[in-house]
N, C-alpha and C. Protein backbone atom coordinates (compact mmCIF):
# COMPACT_ATOMS: atom_id res chain seq x y z
N MET A 1 -2.43 -1.76 0.51
CA MET A 1 -3.32 -1.97 -0.64
C MET A 1 -3.94 -0.63 -1.06
N VAL A 2 -3.95 -0.35 -2.35
CA VAL A 2 -4.51 0.89 -2.86
C VAL A 2 -6.02 0.93 -2.64
N SER A 3 -6.50 2.06 -2.09
CA SER A 3 -7.94 2.22 -1.86
C SER A 3 -8.27 3.71 -1.87
N LEU A 4 -9.54 4.01 -1.63
CA LEU A 4 -10.00 5.40 -1.54
C LEU A 4 -10.10 5.88 -0.10
N ALA A 5 -9.56 5.12 0.85
CA ALA A 5 -9.75 5.44 2.27
C ALA A 5 -9.25 6.83 2.63
N LEU A 6 -8.05 7.19 2.17
CA LEU A 6 -7.48 8.49 2.53
C LEU A 6 -8.27 9.64 1.92
N GLU A 7 -8.61 9.51 0.66
CA GLU A 7 -9.34 10.58 -0.01
C GLU A 7 -10.78 10.69 0.47
N GLU A 8 -11.38 9.57 0.85
CA GLU A 8 -12.76 9.62 1.33
C GLU A 8 -12.89 10.46 2.60
N LYS A 9 -11.87 10.43 3.44
CA LYS A 9 -11.89 11.26 4.66
C LYS A 9 -11.97 12.74 4.31
N LEU A 10 -11.28 13.12 3.24
CA LEU A 10 -11.28 14.52 2.81
C LEU A 10 -12.58 14.87 2.10
N TRP A 11 -13.06 13.97 1.26
CA TRP A 11 -14.34 14.20 0.60
C TRP A 11 -15.47 14.36 1.61
N GLN A 12 -15.42 13.57 2.68
CA GLN A 12 -16.46 13.64 3.71
C GLN A 12 -16.43 14.97 4.46
N GLN A 13 -15.28 15.65 4.40
CA GLN A 13 -15.16 16.98 5.02
C GLN A 13 -15.65 18.09 4.08
N GLY A 14 -16.12 17.69 2.93
CA GLY A 14 -16.67 18.66 1.99
C GLY A 14 -15.71 19.13 0.92
N MET A 15 -14.52 18.57 0.88
CA MET A 15 -13.55 18.96 -0.14
C MET A 15 -13.87 18.26 -1.44
N THR A 16 -13.92 19.04 -2.51
CA THR A 16 -14.25 18.48 -3.81
C THR A 16 -13.06 18.44 -4.76
N LEU A 17 -12.02 19.22 -4.45
CA LEU A 17 -10.84 19.27 -5.32
C LEU A 17 -9.60 18.82 -4.55
N VAL A 18 -9.50 17.53 -4.35
CA VAL A 18 -8.34 16.94 -3.67
C VAL A 18 -7.29 16.60 -4.71
N GLY A 19 -6.09 17.11 -4.52
CA GLY A 19 -5.01 16.85 -5.45
C GLY A 19 -4.09 15.76 -4.94
N PHE A 20 -3.52 15.00 -5.86
CA PHE A 20 -2.61 13.91 -5.52
C PHE A 20 -1.32 14.12 -6.31
N CYS A 21 -0.19 13.81 -5.68
CA CYS A 21 1.09 14.10 -6.34
C CYS A 21 2.12 13.02 -6.06
N ASP A 22 2.88 12.67 -7.09
CA ASP A 22 3.98 11.72 -6.97
C ASP A 22 5.01 12.04 -8.05
N GLU A 23 6.18 11.44 -7.91
CA GLU A 23 7.26 11.70 -8.87
C GLU A 23 7.83 10.39 -9.42
N ALA A 24 8.60 10.53 -10.50
CA ALA A 24 9.33 9.40 -11.08
C ALA A 24 10.70 9.91 -11.51
N GLY A 25 11.71 9.09 -11.26
CA GLY A 25 13.04 9.45 -11.74
C GLY A 25 14.01 9.95 -10.68
N ARG A 26 13.79 9.58 -9.42
CA ARG A 26 14.75 9.98 -8.39
C ARG A 26 16.05 9.20 -8.52
N GLY A 27 15.98 7.93 -8.89
CA GLY A 27 17.13 7.06 -8.86
C GLY A 27 18.03 7.00 -10.08
N PRO A 28 17.53 7.30 -11.27
CA PRO A 28 18.36 7.14 -12.47
C PRO A 28 19.61 8.01 -12.48
N LEU A 29 20.56 7.61 -13.29
CA LEU A 29 21.82 8.34 -13.41
C LEU A 29 21.73 9.50 -14.39
N LEU A 30 20.61 9.60 -15.10
CA LEU A 30 20.51 10.64 -16.13
C LEU A 30 19.09 11.19 -16.23
N GLY A 31 18.98 12.33 -16.87
CA GLY A 31 17.69 12.89 -17.22
C GLY A 31 16.95 13.61 -16.12
N ASN A 32 15.73 14.00 -16.46
CA ASN A 32 14.88 14.78 -15.56
C ASN A 32 14.28 13.92 -14.46
N VAL A 33 13.90 14.59 -13.37
CA VAL A 33 12.95 14.01 -12.44
C VAL A 33 11.60 14.63 -12.79
N VAL A 34 10.59 13.79 -12.86
CA VAL A 34 9.26 14.21 -13.33
C VAL A 34 8.24 13.98 -12.23
N ALA A 35 7.38 14.95 -12.01
CA ALA A 35 6.28 14.80 -11.06
C ALA A 35 4.96 15.00 -11.78
N ALA A 36 3.94 14.34 -11.27
CA ALA A 36 2.60 14.52 -11.80
C ALA A 36 1.65 14.84 -10.65
N ALA A 37 0.73 15.74 -10.92
CA ALA A 37 -0.36 16.03 -9.98
C ALA A 37 -1.67 15.77 -10.70
N VAL A 38 -2.65 15.28 -9.96
CA VAL A 38 -3.94 14.97 -10.57
C VAL A 38 -5.06 15.22 -9.57
N ILE A 39 -6.17 15.73 -10.07
CA ILE A 39 -7.40 15.86 -9.29
C ILE A 39 -8.43 14.96 -9.94
N LEU A 40 -8.99 14.06 -9.15
CA LEU A 40 -9.94 13.09 -9.68
C LEU A 40 -11.35 13.36 -9.14
N PRO A 41 -12.38 12.98 -9.87
CA PRO A 41 -13.75 13.16 -9.39
C PRO A 41 -14.00 12.39 -8.09
N ILE A 42 -14.87 12.94 -7.27
CA ILE A 42 -15.23 12.28 -6.01
C ILE A 42 -15.76 10.88 -6.29
N GLY A 43 -15.23 9.90 -5.56
CA GLY A 43 -15.72 8.53 -5.65
C GLY A 43 -15.17 7.71 -6.79
N LEU A 44 -14.38 8.32 -7.68
CA LEU A 44 -13.87 7.56 -8.83
C LEU A 44 -12.81 6.55 -8.39
N LEU A 45 -13.01 5.31 -8.79
CA LEU A 45 -12.03 4.25 -8.56
C LEU A 45 -11.78 3.57 -9.90
N ILE A 46 -10.60 3.79 -10.45
CA ILE A 46 -10.25 3.22 -11.75
C ILE A 46 -9.66 1.84 -11.55
N GLU A 47 -10.28 0.84 -12.14
CA GLU A 47 -9.83 -0.54 -11.98
C GLU A 47 -8.40 -0.70 -12.50
N GLY A 48 -7.55 -1.31 -11.70
CA GLY A 48 -6.19 -1.60 -12.10
C GLY A 48 -5.16 -0.60 -11.63
N VAL A 49 -5.61 0.58 -11.17
CA VAL A 49 -4.66 1.58 -10.69
C VAL A 49 -3.93 1.07 -9.47
N ASN A 50 -2.60 1.17 -9.51
CA ASN A 50 -1.76 0.70 -8.43
C ASN A 50 -0.44 1.46 -8.51
N ASP A 51 0.41 1.25 -7.53
CA ASP A 51 1.77 1.79 -7.57
C ASP A 51 2.36 1.47 -8.94
N SER A 52 2.85 2.49 -9.64
CA SER A 52 3.32 2.30 -11.02
C SER A 52 4.41 1.24 -11.13
N LYS A 53 5.21 1.09 -10.07
CA LYS A 53 6.31 0.10 -10.10
C LYS A 53 5.79 -1.33 -10.11
N LYS A 54 4.54 -1.53 -9.77
CA LYS A 54 3.97 -2.87 -9.72
C LYS A 54 3.22 -3.23 -11.00
N LEU A 55 3.24 -2.32 -11.97
CA LEU A 55 2.49 -2.54 -13.20
C LEU A 55 3.43 -2.74 -14.39
N THR A 56 2.96 -3.45 -15.38
CA THR A 56 3.73 -3.59 -16.61
C THR A 56 3.67 -2.28 -17.40
N SER A 57 4.60 -2.14 -18.32
CA SER A 57 4.62 -0.94 -19.16
C SER A 57 3.33 -0.79 -19.94
N LYS A 58 2.83 -1.87 -20.49
CA LYS A 58 1.59 -1.82 -21.27
C LYS A 58 0.41 -1.42 -20.39
N LYS A 59 0.36 -1.96 -19.18
CA LYS A 59 -0.74 -1.62 -18.27
C LYS A 59 -0.67 -0.15 -17.87
N ARG A 60 0.54 0.34 -17.61
CA ARG A 60 0.69 1.76 -17.27
C ARG A 60 0.21 2.65 -18.41
N GLU A 61 0.58 2.31 -19.63
CA GLU A 61 0.19 3.12 -20.78
C GLU A 61 -1.34 3.16 -20.91
N ASN A 62 -1.98 2.02 -20.75
CA ASN A 62 -3.44 1.97 -20.85
C ASN A 62 -4.09 2.81 -19.76
N LEU A 63 -3.58 2.68 -18.53
CA LEU A 63 -4.15 3.42 -17.41
C LEU A 63 -3.87 4.91 -17.52
N TYR A 64 -2.73 5.26 -18.09
CA TYR A 64 -2.38 6.66 -18.30
C TYR A 64 -3.49 7.36 -19.10
N ASN A 65 -3.94 6.73 -20.16
CA ASN A 65 -4.98 7.31 -21.00
C ASN A 65 -6.31 7.41 -20.25
N VAL A 66 -6.63 6.38 -19.49
CA VAL A 66 -7.89 6.39 -18.73
C VAL A 66 -7.86 7.51 -17.68
N ILE A 67 -6.74 7.61 -16.96
CA ILE A 67 -6.62 8.63 -15.91
C ILE A 67 -6.76 10.03 -16.51
N TYR A 68 -6.08 10.28 -17.63
CA TYR A 68 -6.17 11.58 -18.29
C TYR A 68 -7.62 11.89 -18.69
N ASN A 69 -8.31 10.90 -19.21
CA ASN A 69 -9.68 11.11 -19.68
C ASN A 69 -10.64 11.36 -18.52
N GLU A 70 -10.40 10.72 -17.39
CA GLU A 70 -11.31 10.81 -16.26
C GLU A 70 -10.99 11.98 -15.32
N ALA A 71 -9.78 12.47 -15.34
CA ALA A 71 -9.34 13.47 -14.37
C ALA A 71 -10.03 14.81 -14.55
N ILE A 72 -10.23 15.50 -13.44
CA ILE A 72 -10.69 16.88 -13.47
C ILE A 72 -9.56 17.78 -13.96
N ALA A 73 -8.35 17.50 -13.48
CA ALA A 73 -7.19 18.30 -13.86
C ALA A 73 -5.93 17.46 -13.73
N VAL A 74 -4.95 17.76 -14.58
CA VAL A 74 -3.65 17.08 -14.56
C VAL A 74 -2.55 18.14 -14.70
N GLY A 75 -1.45 17.93 -13.98
CA GLY A 75 -0.29 18.82 -14.13
C GLY A 75 1.00 18.02 -14.11
N ILE A 76 1.95 18.42 -14.93
CA ILE A 76 3.27 17.79 -14.97
C ILE A 76 4.32 18.83 -14.60
N GLY A 77 5.27 18.43 -13.78
CA GLY A 77 6.39 19.30 -13.42
C GLY A 77 7.70 18.55 -13.59
N GLU A 78 8.73 19.26 -14.04
CA GLU A 78 10.02 18.61 -14.29
C GLU A 78 11.17 19.47 -13.76
N VAL A 79 12.25 18.80 -13.40
CA VAL A 79 13.52 19.47 -13.07
C VAL A 79 14.61 18.72 -13.82
N ASP A 80 15.45 19.45 -14.55
CA ASP A 80 16.44 18.78 -15.40
C ASP A 80 17.69 18.35 -14.63
N HIS A 81 18.55 17.62 -15.33
CA HIS A 81 19.74 17.03 -14.71
C HIS A 81 20.68 18.08 -14.15
N GLN A 82 20.75 19.23 -14.78
CA GLN A 82 21.67 20.27 -14.32
C GLN A 82 21.24 20.83 -12.98
N LEU A 83 19.94 21.09 -12.83
CA LEU A 83 19.46 21.61 -11.55
C LEU A 83 19.49 20.53 -10.47
N ILE A 84 19.28 19.27 -10.86
CA ILE A 84 19.42 18.17 -9.90
C ILE A 84 20.83 18.18 -9.30
N ASP A 85 21.83 18.36 -10.16
CA ASP A 85 23.21 18.41 -9.68
C ASP A 85 23.45 19.60 -8.75
N GLN A 86 22.75 20.69 -8.98
CA GLN A 86 22.96 21.90 -8.18
C GLN A 86 22.28 21.84 -6.81
N ILE A 87 21.06 21.30 -6.76
CA ILE A 87 20.28 21.42 -5.52
C ILE A 87 20.03 20.08 -4.83
N ASN A 88 20.44 18.98 -5.39
CA ASN A 88 20.28 17.59 -4.93
C ASN A 88 18.91 17.04 -5.32
N ILE A 89 18.84 15.72 -5.37
CA ILE A 89 17.67 15.06 -5.95
C ILE A 89 16.43 15.23 -5.08
N ARG A 90 16.58 15.28 -3.77
CA ARG A 90 15.37 15.45 -2.94
C ARG A 90 14.73 16.82 -3.19
N GLN A 91 15.56 17.86 -3.18
CA GLN A 91 15.01 19.19 -3.41
C GLN A 91 14.49 19.33 -4.84
N ALA A 92 15.15 18.67 -5.78
CA ALA A 92 14.68 18.69 -7.16
C ALA A 92 13.32 17.99 -7.28
N SER A 93 13.15 16.87 -6.57
CA SER A 93 11.87 16.16 -6.59
C SER A 93 10.76 17.02 -6.01
N ARG A 94 11.05 17.69 -4.91
CA ARG A 94 10.05 18.57 -4.28
C ARG A 94 9.69 19.73 -5.20
N LEU A 95 10.69 20.26 -5.90
CA LEU A 95 10.43 21.35 -6.83
C LEU A 95 9.60 20.88 -8.01
N ALA A 96 9.90 19.69 -8.52
CA ALA A 96 9.10 19.13 -9.61
C ALA A 96 7.64 18.94 -9.18
N MET A 97 7.45 18.49 -7.94
CA MET A 97 6.09 18.33 -7.41
C MET A 97 5.37 19.68 -7.32
N LYS A 98 6.08 20.68 -6.83
CA LYS A 98 5.49 22.02 -6.75
C LYS A 98 5.07 22.50 -8.13
N ARG A 99 5.94 22.31 -9.11
CA ARG A 99 5.63 22.73 -10.48
C ARG A 99 4.43 21.96 -11.03
N ALA A 100 4.34 20.68 -10.70
CA ALA A 100 3.22 19.87 -11.18
C ALA A 100 1.90 20.41 -10.64
N VAL A 101 1.88 20.73 -9.36
CA VAL A 101 0.65 21.28 -8.75
C VAL A 101 0.31 22.64 -9.36
N GLU A 102 1.33 23.46 -9.56
CA GLU A 102 1.10 24.78 -10.15
C GLU A 102 0.64 24.67 -11.61
N ASN A 103 0.93 23.55 -12.25
CA ASN A 103 0.55 23.34 -13.65
C ASN A 103 -0.78 22.62 -13.83
N LEU A 104 -1.49 22.35 -12.74
CA LEU A 104 -2.77 21.65 -12.84
C LEU A 104 -3.73 22.42 -13.76
N ARG A 105 -4.18 21.76 -14.80
CA ARG A 105 -5.09 22.36 -15.78
C ARG A 105 -6.23 21.38 -16.08
N ASP A 106 -7.41 21.94 -16.31
CA ASP A 106 -8.52 21.08 -16.69
C ASP A 106 -8.53 20.88 -18.21
N LYS A 107 -9.57 20.26 -18.72
CA LYS A 107 -9.62 19.92 -20.15
C LYS A 107 -9.78 21.16 -21.04
N LYS A 108 -10.14 22.28 -20.43
CA LYS A 108 -10.23 23.54 -21.18
C LYS A 108 -8.95 24.36 -21.01
N ASP A 109 -7.93 23.73 -20.40
CA ASP A 109 -6.64 24.37 -20.15
C ASP A 109 -6.76 25.54 -19.16
N ILE A 110 -7.71 25.43 -18.25
CA ILE A 110 -7.89 26.43 -17.20
C ILE A 110 -7.22 25.93 -15.92
N ARG A 111 -6.47 26.79 -15.28
CA ARG A 111 -5.76 26.44 -14.04
C ARG A 111 -6.76 26.05 -12.97
N VAL A 112 -6.47 24.96 -12.26
CA VAL A 112 -7.32 24.47 -11.17
C VAL A 112 -6.51 24.46 -9.89
N GLN A 113 -7.04 25.07 -8.85
CA GLN A 113 -6.37 25.14 -7.55
C GLN A 113 -6.94 24.07 -6.62
N PRO A 114 -6.13 23.09 -6.21
CA PRO A 114 -6.63 22.08 -5.28
C PRO A 114 -6.89 22.66 -3.89
N GLU A 115 -7.85 22.08 -3.20
CA GLU A 115 -8.15 22.51 -1.83
C GLU A 115 -7.23 21.84 -0.82
N TYR A 116 -6.74 20.67 -1.20
CA TYR A 116 -5.90 19.87 -0.29
C TYR A 116 -5.05 18.95 -1.14
N LEU A 117 -3.86 18.63 -0.63
CA LEU A 117 -2.95 17.76 -1.37
C LEU A 117 -2.56 16.54 -0.54
N LEU A 118 -2.56 15.39 -1.18
CA LEU A 118 -1.97 14.17 -0.63
C LEU A 118 -0.74 13.87 -1.49
N ILE A 119 0.43 13.82 -0.85
CA ILE A 119 1.70 13.75 -1.57
C ILE A 119 2.48 12.52 -1.13
N ASP A 120 3.06 11.84 -2.08
CA ASP A 120 3.82 10.64 -1.75
C ASP A 120 5.15 10.99 -1.09
N GLY A 121 5.24 10.80 0.21
CA GLY A 121 6.51 10.85 0.94
C GLY A 121 7.16 12.20 1.09
N GLU A 122 6.51 13.28 0.70
CA GLU A 122 7.13 14.61 0.77
C GLU A 122 6.12 15.68 1.14
N THR A 123 6.63 16.83 1.56
CA THR A 123 5.84 18.05 1.59
C THR A 123 6.46 19.00 0.58
N ILE A 124 5.67 19.93 0.08
CA ILE A 124 6.18 20.85 -0.92
C ILE A 124 5.90 22.30 -0.51
N ASP A 125 6.67 23.20 -1.09
CA ASP A 125 6.66 24.60 -0.70
C ASP A 125 5.49 25.34 -1.34
N LEU A 126 4.30 25.04 -0.83
CA LEU A 126 3.08 25.70 -1.27
C LEU A 126 2.20 25.97 -0.05
N ASP A 127 1.38 27.00 -0.14
CA ASP A 127 0.47 27.31 0.97
C ASP A 127 -0.72 26.36 1.03
N THR A 128 -0.93 25.59 -0.01
CA THR A 128 -2.05 24.65 -0.05
C THR A 128 -1.94 23.65 1.10
N PRO A 129 -3.00 23.46 1.89
CA PRO A 129 -2.98 22.42 2.93
C PRO A 129 -2.60 21.08 2.32
N GLN A 130 -1.76 20.34 3.03
CA GLN A 130 -1.22 19.12 2.43
C GLN A 130 -0.84 18.10 3.48
N GLU A 131 -0.68 16.87 3.05
CA GLU A 131 -0.27 15.78 3.95
C GLU A 131 0.71 14.87 3.22
N LYS A 132 1.79 14.58 3.90
CA LYS A 132 2.78 13.63 3.38
C LYS A 132 2.32 12.22 3.73
N ILE A 133 2.23 11.36 2.72
CA ILE A 133 1.81 9.98 2.93
C ILE A 133 2.97 9.05 2.59
N ILE A 134 3.53 8.40 3.60
CA ILE A 134 4.62 7.46 3.36
C ILE A 134 4.08 6.25 2.59
N HIS A 135 4.80 5.88 1.53
CA HIS A 135 4.35 4.80 0.63
C HIS A 135 2.94 5.08 0.10
N GLY A 136 2.68 6.36 -0.17
CA GLY A 136 1.35 6.77 -0.61
C GLY A 136 0.91 6.11 -1.90
N ASP A 137 1.87 5.81 -2.79
CA ASP A 137 1.50 5.19 -4.07
C ASP A 137 1.03 3.76 -3.91
N ALA A 138 1.26 3.17 -2.73
CA ALA A 138 0.77 1.82 -2.45
C ALA A 138 -0.48 1.84 -1.58
N LEU A 139 -0.92 3.05 -1.20
CA LEU A 139 -2.07 3.18 -0.30
C LEU A 139 -3.23 3.95 -0.92
N SER A 140 -2.92 5.09 -1.52
CA SER A 140 -3.94 5.98 -2.03
C SER A 140 -4.15 5.78 -3.54
N HIS A 141 -5.38 5.59 -3.93
CA HIS A 141 -5.72 5.45 -5.34
C HIS A 141 -5.27 6.68 -6.13
N GLY A 142 -5.48 7.87 -5.56
CA GLY A 142 -5.12 9.09 -6.26
C GLY A 142 -3.62 9.26 -6.43
N ILE A 143 -2.86 8.95 -5.38
CA ILE A 143 -1.40 9.05 -5.48
C ILE A 143 -0.88 8.01 -6.47
N ALA A 144 -1.45 6.81 -6.43
CA ALA A 144 -1.05 5.78 -7.40
C ALA A 144 -1.32 6.24 -8.83
N ALA A 145 -2.44 6.93 -9.03
CA ALA A 145 -2.74 7.46 -10.36
C ALA A 145 -1.69 8.48 -10.78
N ALA A 146 -1.30 9.35 -9.84
CA ALA A 146 -0.25 10.33 -10.14
C ALA A 146 1.07 9.65 -10.46
N SER A 147 1.36 8.56 -9.75
CA SER A 147 2.61 7.84 -10.00
C SER A 147 2.64 7.26 -11.41
N ILE A 148 1.50 6.82 -11.89
CA ILE A 148 1.41 6.28 -13.26
C ILE A 148 1.64 7.39 -14.28
N LEU A 149 1.02 8.53 -14.07
CA LEU A 149 1.20 9.66 -14.99
C LEU A 149 2.66 10.08 -15.06
N ALA A 150 3.30 10.17 -13.90
CA ALA A 150 4.70 10.60 -13.87
C ALA A 150 5.61 9.57 -14.53
N LYS A 151 5.39 8.30 -14.23
CA LYS A 151 6.23 7.23 -14.76
C LYS A 151 6.11 7.14 -16.29
N VAL A 152 4.90 7.18 -16.80
CA VAL A 152 4.72 7.07 -18.25
C VAL A 152 5.31 8.28 -18.96
N HIS A 153 5.11 9.47 -18.39
CA HIS A 153 5.68 10.68 -19.00
C HIS A 153 7.19 10.57 -19.09
N ARG A 154 7.83 10.13 -18.01
CA ARG A 154 9.29 10.02 -18.03
C ARG A 154 9.77 8.89 -18.93
N ASP A 155 9.07 7.77 -18.93
CA ASP A 155 9.47 6.65 -19.79
C ASP A 155 9.42 7.05 -21.26
N ARG A 156 8.46 7.87 -21.62
CA ARG A 156 8.38 8.35 -23.00
C ARG A 156 9.58 9.25 -23.33
N GLN A 157 10.01 10.03 -22.37
CA GLN A 157 11.21 10.84 -22.56
C GLN A 157 12.42 9.94 -22.78
N CYS A 158 12.48 8.84 -22.04
CA CYS A 158 13.61 7.92 -22.17
C CYS A 158 13.72 7.36 -23.58
N LEU A 159 12.59 7.13 -24.23
CA LEU A 159 12.61 6.65 -25.61
C LEU A 159 13.25 7.68 -26.54
N LEU A 160 12.97 8.94 -26.28
CA LEU A 160 13.57 10.01 -27.09
C LEU A 160 15.06 10.13 -26.80
N TRP A 161 15.43 10.06 -25.52
CA TRP A 161 16.85 10.14 -25.15
C TRP A 161 17.63 8.97 -25.75
N ASP A 162 16.99 7.81 -25.85
CA ASP A 162 17.65 6.64 -26.42
C ASP A 162 18.00 6.89 -27.89
N GLN A 163 17.14 7.62 -28.59
CA GLN A 163 17.42 7.95 -29.99
C GLN A 163 18.52 9.00 -30.11
N LEU A 164 18.53 9.95 -29.17
CA LEU A 164 19.55 11.00 -29.19
C LEU A 164 20.92 10.47 -28.80
N TYR A 165 20.93 9.51 -27.89
CA TYR A 165 22.20 8.98 -27.36
C TYR A 165 22.20 7.46 -27.44
N PRO A 166 22.33 6.92 -28.65
CA PRO A 166 22.28 5.46 -28.82
C PRO A 166 23.49 4.77 -28.19
N GLY A 167 23.28 3.52 -27.83
CA GLY A 167 24.38 2.72 -27.29
C GLY A 167 24.42 2.66 -25.78
N TYR A 168 23.58 3.42 -25.12
CA TYR A 168 23.55 3.41 -23.66
C TYR A 168 22.41 2.55 -23.09
N GLY A 169 21.49 2.15 -23.95
CA GLY A 169 20.37 1.31 -23.50
C GLY A 169 19.32 2.04 -22.71
N ILE A 170 19.18 3.34 -22.92
CA ILE A 170 18.28 4.15 -22.09
C ILE A 170 16.83 3.69 -22.21
N ALA A 171 16.41 3.29 -23.40
CA ALA A 171 15.03 2.84 -23.58
C ALA A 171 14.70 1.64 -22.71
N LYS A 172 15.71 0.82 -22.45
CA LYS A 172 15.48 -0.40 -21.67
C LYS A 172 15.60 -0.15 -20.17
N HIS A 173 16.71 0.47 -19.73
CA HIS A 173 16.92 0.61 -18.28
C HIS A 173 16.42 1.93 -17.70
N LYS A 174 15.97 2.85 -18.57
CA LYS A 174 15.40 4.14 -18.17
C LYS A 174 16.36 4.99 -17.36
N GLY A 175 17.66 4.73 -17.53
CA GLY A 175 18.66 5.54 -16.86
C GLY A 175 19.16 4.98 -15.55
N TYR A 176 18.60 3.87 -15.10
CA TYR A 176 19.03 3.29 -13.82
C TYR A 176 20.41 2.64 -13.95
N CYS A 177 21.00 2.37 -12.82
CA CYS A 177 22.39 1.92 -12.77
C CYS A 177 22.50 0.41 -13.00
N THR A 178 22.24 -0.01 -14.22
CA THR A 178 22.39 -1.42 -14.56
C THR A 178 23.83 -1.69 -15.00
N LYS A 179 24.17 -2.97 -15.07
CA LYS A 179 25.51 -3.37 -15.51
C LYS A 179 25.79 -2.84 -16.91
N PHE A 180 24.82 -2.97 -17.79
CA PHE A 180 24.99 -2.49 -19.16
C PHE A 180 25.23 -0.99 -19.19
N HIS A 181 24.47 -0.27 -18.38
CA HIS A 181 24.59 1.19 -18.35
C HIS A 181 25.98 1.61 -17.87
N VAL A 182 26.46 0.97 -16.81
CA VAL A 182 27.79 1.30 -16.28
C VAL A 182 28.86 0.99 -17.31
N GLU A 183 28.75 -0.15 -17.96
CA GLU A 183 29.74 -0.53 -18.98
C GLU A 183 29.74 0.48 -20.15
N ALA A 184 28.55 0.95 -20.53
CA ALA A 184 28.46 1.93 -21.61
C ALA A 184 29.08 3.26 -21.18
N LEU A 185 28.86 3.64 -19.94
CA LEU A 185 29.45 4.87 -19.42
C LEU A 185 30.97 4.80 -19.45
N LEU A 186 31.52 3.68 -19.02
CA LEU A 186 32.97 3.53 -18.97
C LEU A 186 33.57 3.46 -20.37
N ALA A 187 32.80 2.94 -21.32
CA ALA A 187 33.31 2.81 -22.68
C ALA A 187 33.16 4.09 -23.50
N LYS A 188 32.07 4.83 -23.24
CA LYS A 188 31.73 5.96 -24.08
C LYS A 188 31.81 7.31 -23.37
N GLY A 189 31.84 7.27 -22.02
CA GLY A 189 31.75 8.52 -21.27
C GLY A 189 30.29 8.94 -21.12
N PRO A 190 30.02 9.98 -20.35
CA PRO A 190 28.64 10.39 -20.09
C PRO A 190 28.03 11.15 -21.27
N THR A 191 26.72 11.08 -21.37
CA THR A 191 25.98 11.92 -22.32
C THR A 191 25.81 13.30 -21.69
N PRO A 192 25.34 14.27 -22.46
CA PRO A 192 25.07 15.59 -21.89
C PRO A 192 23.99 15.60 -20.80
N ILE A 193 23.16 14.54 -20.74
CA ILE A 193 22.07 14.55 -19.76
C ILE A 193 22.37 13.68 -18.53
N HIS A 194 23.57 13.16 -18.41
CA HIS A 194 23.91 12.41 -17.21
C HIS A 194 24.05 13.35 -16.01
N ARG A 195 23.60 12.89 -14.85
CA ARG A 195 23.71 13.65 -13.62
C ARG A 195 25.12 13.44 -13.05
N ARG A 196 25.91 14.47 -13.08
CA ARG A 196 27.32 14.35 -12.69
C ARG A 196 27.48 13.89 -11.25
N THR A 197 26.59 14.36 -10.36
CA THR A 197 26.68 13.95 -8.96
C THR A 197 26.31 12.50 -8.75
N PHE A 198 25.61 11.91 -9.72
CA PHE A 198 25.17 10.52 -9.59
C PHE A 198 26.20 9.52 -10.11
N ILE A 199 27.14 10.00 -10.90
CA ILE A 199 28.09 9.06 -11.51
C ILE A 199 29.50 9.18 -10.90
N LYS A 200 29.61 9.89 -9.79
CA LYS A 200 30.92 10.09 -9.16
C LYS A 200 31.58 8.77 -8.77
N LYS A 201 30.81 7.85 -8.21
CA LYS A 201 31.38 6.57 -7.77
C LYS A 201 31.85 5.74 -8.97
N ILE A 202 31.13 5.85 -10.07
CA ILE A 202 31.54 5.12 -11.28
C ILE A 202 32.84 5.70 -11.81
N VAL A 203 32.93 7.02 -11.82
CA VAL A 203 34.16 7.69 -12.27
C VAL A 203 35.34 7.29 -11.39
N ALA A 204 35.10 7.23 -10.08
CA ALA A 204 36.17 6.91 -9.13
C ALA A 204 36.75 5.52 -9.36
N LYS A 205 35.94 4.60 -9.87
CA LYS A 205 36.39 3.22 -10.09
C LYS A 205 36.96 3.02 -11.50
N ALA A 206 36.87 4.04 -12.32
CA ALA A 206 37.32 3.92 -13.72
C ALA A 206 38.84 3.97 -13.80
N THR A 207 39.37 3.44 -14.88
CA THR A 207 40.81 3.55 -15.13
C THR A 207 41.14 4.99 -15.50
N VAL A 208 42.42 5.29 -15.52
CA VAL A 208 42.86 6.64 -15.87
C VAL A 208 42.37 7.00 -17.28
N GLU A 209 42.49 6.04 -18.19
CA GLU A 209 42.06 6.28 -19.57
C GLU A 209 40.54 6.51 -19.63
N GLN A 210 39.81 5.72 -18.87
CA GLN A 210 38.36 5.89 -18.85
C GLN A 210 37.95 7.21 -18.23
N GLN A 211 38.66 7.63 -17.19
CA GLN A 211 38.33 8.88 -16.51
C GLN A 211 38.44 10.07 -17.43
N GLU A 212 39.30 9.97 -18.42
CA GLU A 212 39.44 11.08 -19.37
C GLU A 212 38.15 11.34 -20.14
N LEU A 213 37.34 10.28 -20.31
CA LEU A 213 36.06 10.44 -21.00
C LEU A 213 35.06 11.27 -20.20
N PHE A 214 35.30 11.37 -18.88
CA PHE A 214 34.35 12.07 -18.01
C PHE A 214 34.73 13.52 -17.78
N ILE A 215 35.85 13.95 -18.33
CA ILE A 215 36.28 15.33 -18.15
C ILE A 215 35.38 16.26 -18.95
N VAL A 216 34.83 17.25 -18.26
CA VAL A 216 33.95 18.21 -18.94
C VAL A 216 34.82 19.17 -19.75
N LYS A 217 34.56 19.19 -21.05
CA LYS A 217 35.36 20.02 -21.93
C LYS A 217 34.63 21.33 -22.25
């Protein structure tokens, strides 16, 4: 259950700038992986904040605005599909998280350095003291808030990608491996933003004619 228990331990130690970080987009077949970092005021508990996967799209959008308004600082980090293919999705997710922390800015656009980080399921390559929290988005209010920021940011990108590459259903499935998505891939071939390492199994099951659509020209 999401609570302030983890962050309260740090606040009680005198830390005032605790950062929280999570990502969205590890599983999809296309597009960026997006991470968000956020620093929230001591004691703030925003009603309704939870693991982003447990919330409706409308609820996430509403909470996204509240979190941004209440936060001391917010940062977004991204890694594109090409780099994901080069370094693998785990390393890409960690890099996106690092970039998100490095991008933390307050409302005056001034860089804010967190004193400590609570990160969902990962450690990142920064000197900042940090702790990996397994299933952190279901436990920590701050990590759950970061998960909402990351999810909404990426979902908004999916709406743009859907306009750029119609017929794949990106706005609906957000790039995940649904039946419709696979059928569109086999019928139309990949878009420029598909992760080549993620669609290998689909290519392997395609007919010879379909496989020709996947050849990089």
